[in-house]
Amino acid sequence: MPLRLKDGALAAVLAAASMLTTACSTTPRSPANAGADEAVASSVYAALVADPTYFYRHVDVRVDNGVTDLSGFVWSTAAIYRARQIARDVPGVRQVVTNRLMLEREGRANGTAR
């Protein structure tokens, strides 16, 4: 005789299976990896700030296993492309995947005046 689940029970089983799959696919980082990522992030940020052409002090840098994520505000499209190149050139950066840099225009962020 096949096992039958009510709609609510089936949804609960599917949700639990989904959470278990997600939990198993996330590998914890060792302290050494976390420290290496922090060092790379610091190097990327230092390289950005040292750039003589563009202002990158409003850029946040996150690194996970060498994959660098830049986010924040810059003042031109050229600054976005340059930030990507600067990040790629830093030793330890494997990839710049998520580039969430946004243009800051005329002192406005998210449509509101500062």
C-alpha atoms as a PDB file:
ATOM      1  CA  MET A   1       0.000   0.000   0.000  1.00  0.00           C
ATOM      2  CA  PRO A   2       1.578   3.358  -1.027  1.00  0.00           C
ATOM      3  CA  LEU A   3       2.190   6.007   1.592  1.00  0.00           C
ATOM      4  CA  ARG A   4      -0.059   9.046   1.157  1.00  0.00           C
ATOM      5  CA  LEU A   5       0.625  12.416   2.725  1.00  0.00           C
ATOM      6  CA  LYS A   6      -1.815  15.234   3.166  1.00  0.00           C
ATOM      7  CA  ASP A   7      -0.942  18.498   1.384  1.00  0.00           C
ATOM      8  CA  GLY A   8       0.414  20.129   4.554  1.00  0.00           C
ATOM      9  CA  ALA A   9       2.540  17.109   5.446  1.00  0.00           C
ATOM     10  CA  LEU A  10       3.904  16.876   1.910  1.00  0.00           C
ATOM     11  CA  ALA A  11       4.858  20.556   1.978  1.00  0.00           C
ATOM     12  CA  ALA A  12       6.610  20.066   5.317  1.00  0.00           C
ATOM     13  CA  VAL A  13       8.577  17.074   4.015  1.00  0.00           C
ATOM     14  CA  LEU A  14       9.612  18.961   0.877  1.00  0.00           C
ATOM     15  CA  ALA A  15      10.668  22.008   2.915  1.00  0.00           C
ATOM     16  CA  ALA A  16      12.729  19.857   5.278  1.00  0.00           C
ATOM     17  CA  ALA A  17      14.408  18.106   2.335  1.00  0.00           C
ATOM     18  CA  SER A  18      15.213  21.464   0.751  1.00  0.00           C
ATOM     19  CA  MET A  19      16.755  22.812   3.967  1.00  0.00           C
ATOM     20  CA  LEU A  20      18.798  19.645   4.441  1.00  0.00           C
ATOM     21  CA  THR A  21      20.126  19.839   0.883  1.00  0.00           C
ATOM     22  CA  THR A  22      21.089  23.487   1.342  1.00  0.00           C
ATOM     23  CA  ALA A  23      22.747  22.827   4.698  1.00  0.00           C
ATOM     24  CA  CYS A  24      24.774  19.945   3.299  1.00  0.00           C
ATOM     25  CA  SER A  25      25.965  21.923   0.290  1.00  0.00           C
ATOM     26  CA  THR A  26      27.423  24.746   2.392  1.00  0.00           C
ATOM     27  CA  THR A  27      30.963  24.000   3.413  1.00  0.00           C
ATOM     28  CA  PRO A  28      32.301  25.859   6.421  1.00  0.00           C
ATOM     29  CA  ARG A  29      35.448  27.867   5.889  1.00  0.00           C
ATOM     30  CA  SER A  30      38.493  27.143   7.936  1.00  0.00           C
ATOM     31  CA  PRO A  31      40.092  29.954   9.938  1.00  0.00           C
ATOM     32  CA  ALA A  32      43.022  29.861   7.508  1.00  0.00           C
ATOM     33  CA  ASN A  33      40.708  30.365   4.501  1.00  0.00           C
ATOM     34  CA  ALA A  34      38.816  33.135   6.261  1.00  0.00           C
ATOM     35  CA  GLY A  35      42.083  34.859   7.151  1.00  0.00           C
ATOM     36  CA  ALA A  36      43.367  34.540   3.587  1.00  0.00           C
ATOM     37  CA  ASP A  37      40.123  36.011   2.231  1.00  0.00           C
ATOM     38  CA  GLU A  38      40.340  38.927   4.669  1.00  0.00           C
ATOM     39  CA  ALA A  39      43.929  39.583   3.583  1.00  0.00           C
ATOM     40  CA  VAL A  40      42.922  39.552  -0.095  1.00  0.00           C
ATOM     41  CA  ALA A  41      39.972  41.868   0.623  1.00  0.00           C
ATOM     42  CA  SER A  42      42.301  44.285   2.417  1.00  0.00           C
ATOM     43  CA  SER A  43      44.723  44.190  -0.515  1.00  0.00           C
ATOM     44  CA  VAL A  44      41.934  44.844  -3.021  1.00  0.00           C
ATOM     45  CA  TYR A  45      40.628  47.762  -0.966  1.00  0.00           C
ATOM     46  CA  ALA A  46      44.142  49.210  -0.593  1.00  0.00           C
ATOM     47  CA  ALA A  47      44.695  48.926  -4.354  1.00  0.00           C
ATOM     48  CA  LEU A  48      41.374  50.655  -5.033  1.00  0.00           C
ATOM     49  CA  VAL A  49      42.092  53.501  -2.618  1.00  0.00           C
ATOM     50  CA  ALA A  50      45.600  53.941  -4.059  1.00  0.00           C
ATOM     51  CA  ASP A  51      44.237  54.487  -7.575  1.00  0.00           C
ATOM     52  CA  PRO A  52      45.134  58.076  -8.546  1.00  0.00           C
ATOM     53  CA  THR A  53      42.271  58.513 -11.015  1.00  0.00           C
ATOM     54  CA  TYR A  54      39.094  57.387  -9.252  1.00  0.00           C
ATOM     55  CA  PHE A  55      37.655  57.699  -5.750  1.00  0.00           C
ATOM     56  CA  TYR A  56      36.832  54.283  -4.264  1.00  0.00           C
ATOM     57  CA  ARG A  57      36.346  55.038  -0.576  1.00  0.00           C
ATOM     58  CA  HIS A  58      32.625  54.199  -0.863  1.00  0.00           C
ATOM     59  CA  VAL A  59      33.339  50.713  -2.210  1.00  0.00           C
ATOM     60  CA  ASP A  60      33.016  47.614  -0.032  1.00  0.00           C
ATOM     61  CA  VAL A  61      35.092  44.535  -0.807  1.00  0.00           C
ATOM     62  CA  ARG A  62      34.163  40.995   0.174  1.00  0.00           C
ATOM     63  CA  VAL A  63      36.145  37.915  -0.762  1.00  0.00           C
ATOM     64  CA  ASP A  64      35.045  34.299  -0.494  1.00  0.00           C
ATOM     65  CA  ASN A  65      37.584  31.695  -1.635  1.00  0.00           C
ATOM     66  CA  GLY A  66      39.256  34.253  -3.884  1.00  0.00           C
ATOM     67  CA  VAL A  67      35.986  35.349  -5.496  1.00  0.00           C
ATOM     68  CA  THR A  68      35.742  39.105  -5.037  1.00  0.00           C
ATOM     69  CA  ASP A  69      32.501  41.045  -4.654  1.00  0.00           C
ATOM     70  CA  LEU A  70      32.626  44.822  -5.068  1.00  0.00           C
ATOM     71  CA  SER A  71      29.665  46.895  -3.944  1.00  0.00           C
ATOM     72  CA  GLY A  72      28.971  50.522  -3.198  1.00  0.00           C
ATOM     73  CA  PHE A  73      29.002  53.780  -5.112  1.00  0.00           C
ATOM     74  CA  VAL A  74      31.266  55.272  -7.767  1.00  0.00           C
ATOM     75  CA  TRP A  75      30.869  58.366  -9.938  1.00  0.00           C
ATOM     76  CA  SER A  76      31.299  57.019 -13.474  1.00  0.00           C
ATOM     77  CA  THR A  77      30.945  53.929 -15.609  1.00  0.00           C
ATOM     78  CA  ALA A  78      34.673  54.103 -16.325  1.00  0.00           C
ATOM     79  CA  ALA A  79      35.302  53.840 -12.559  1.00  0.00           C
ATOM     80  CA  ILE A  80      33.304  50.598 -12.477  1.00  0.00           C
ATOM     81  CA  TYR A  81      35.403  49.060 -15.245  1.00  0.00           C
ATOM     82  CA  ARG A  82      38.621  50.281 -13.637  1.00  0.00           C
ATOM     83  CA  ALA A  83      37.599  48.825 -10.238  1.00  0.00           C
ATOM     84  CA  ARG A  84      37.062  45.429 -11.854  1.00  0.00           C
ATOM     85  CA  GLN A  85      40.506  45.585 -13.446  1.00  0.00           C
ATOM     86  CA  ILE A  86      42.195  46.696 -10.218  1.00  0.00           C
ATOM     87  CA  ALA A  87      40.550  43.834  -8.308  1.00  0.00           C
ATOM     88  CA  ARG A  88      41.547  41.269 -10.962  1.00  0.00           C
ATOM     89  CA  ASP A  89      45.190  42.364 -10.727  1.00  0.00           C
ATOM     90  CA  VAL A  90      45.464  41.718  -6.973  1.00  0.00           C
ATOM     91  CA  PRO A  91      47.212  38.440  -6.116  1.00  0.00           C
ATOM     92  CA  GLY A  92      44.786  35.944  -4.599  1.00  0.00           C
ATOM     93  CA  VAL A  93      41.750  37.149  -6.562  1.00  0.00           C
ATOM     94  CA  ARG A  94      40.487  34.286  -8.672  1.00  0.00           C
ATOM     95  CA  GLN A  95      37.440  36.017 -10.058  1.00  0.00           C
ATOM     96  CA  VAL A  96      35.370  39.194  -9.796  1.00  0.00           C
ATOM     97  CA  VAL A  97      31.865  37.773 -10.111  1.00  0.00           C
ATOM     98  CA  THR A  98      29.358  39.961  -8.376  1.00  0.00           C
ATOM     99  CA  ASN A  99      29.984  43.546  -9.199  1.00  0.00           C
ATOM    100  CA  ARG A 100      27.279  45.543  -7.459  1.00  0.00           C
ATOM    101  CA  LEU A 101      28.865  48.939  -7.935  1.00  0.00           C
ATOM    102  CA  MET A 102      26.296  51.635  -8.560  1.00  0.00           C
ATOM    103  CA  LEU A 103      26.593  55.077 -10.064  1.00  0.00           C
ATOM    104  CA  GLU A 104      26.261  58.028  -7.714  1.00  0.00           C
ATOM    105  CA  ARG A 105      24.743  60.912  -9.638  1.00  0.00           C
ATOM    106  CA  GLU A 106      24.540  64.533  -8.506  1.00  0.00           C
ATOM    107  CA  GLY A 107      24.674  63.748  -4.800  1.00  0.00           C
ATOM    108  CA  ARG A 108      21.656  61.475  -4.976  1.00  0.00           C
ATOM    109  CA  ALA A 109      21.447  57.901  -3.777  1.00  0.00           C
ATOM    110  CA  ASN A 110      18.331  55.800  -4.309  1.00  0.00           C
ATOM    111  CA  GLY A 111      16.464  58.838  -5.612  1.00  0.00           C
ATOM    112  CA  THR A 112      16.836  60.867  -2.429  1.00  0.00           C
ATOM    113  CA  ALA A 113      18.921  64.002  -2.003  1.00  0.00           C
ATOM    114  CA  ARG A 114      21.693  64.020   0.529  1.00  0.00           C
END
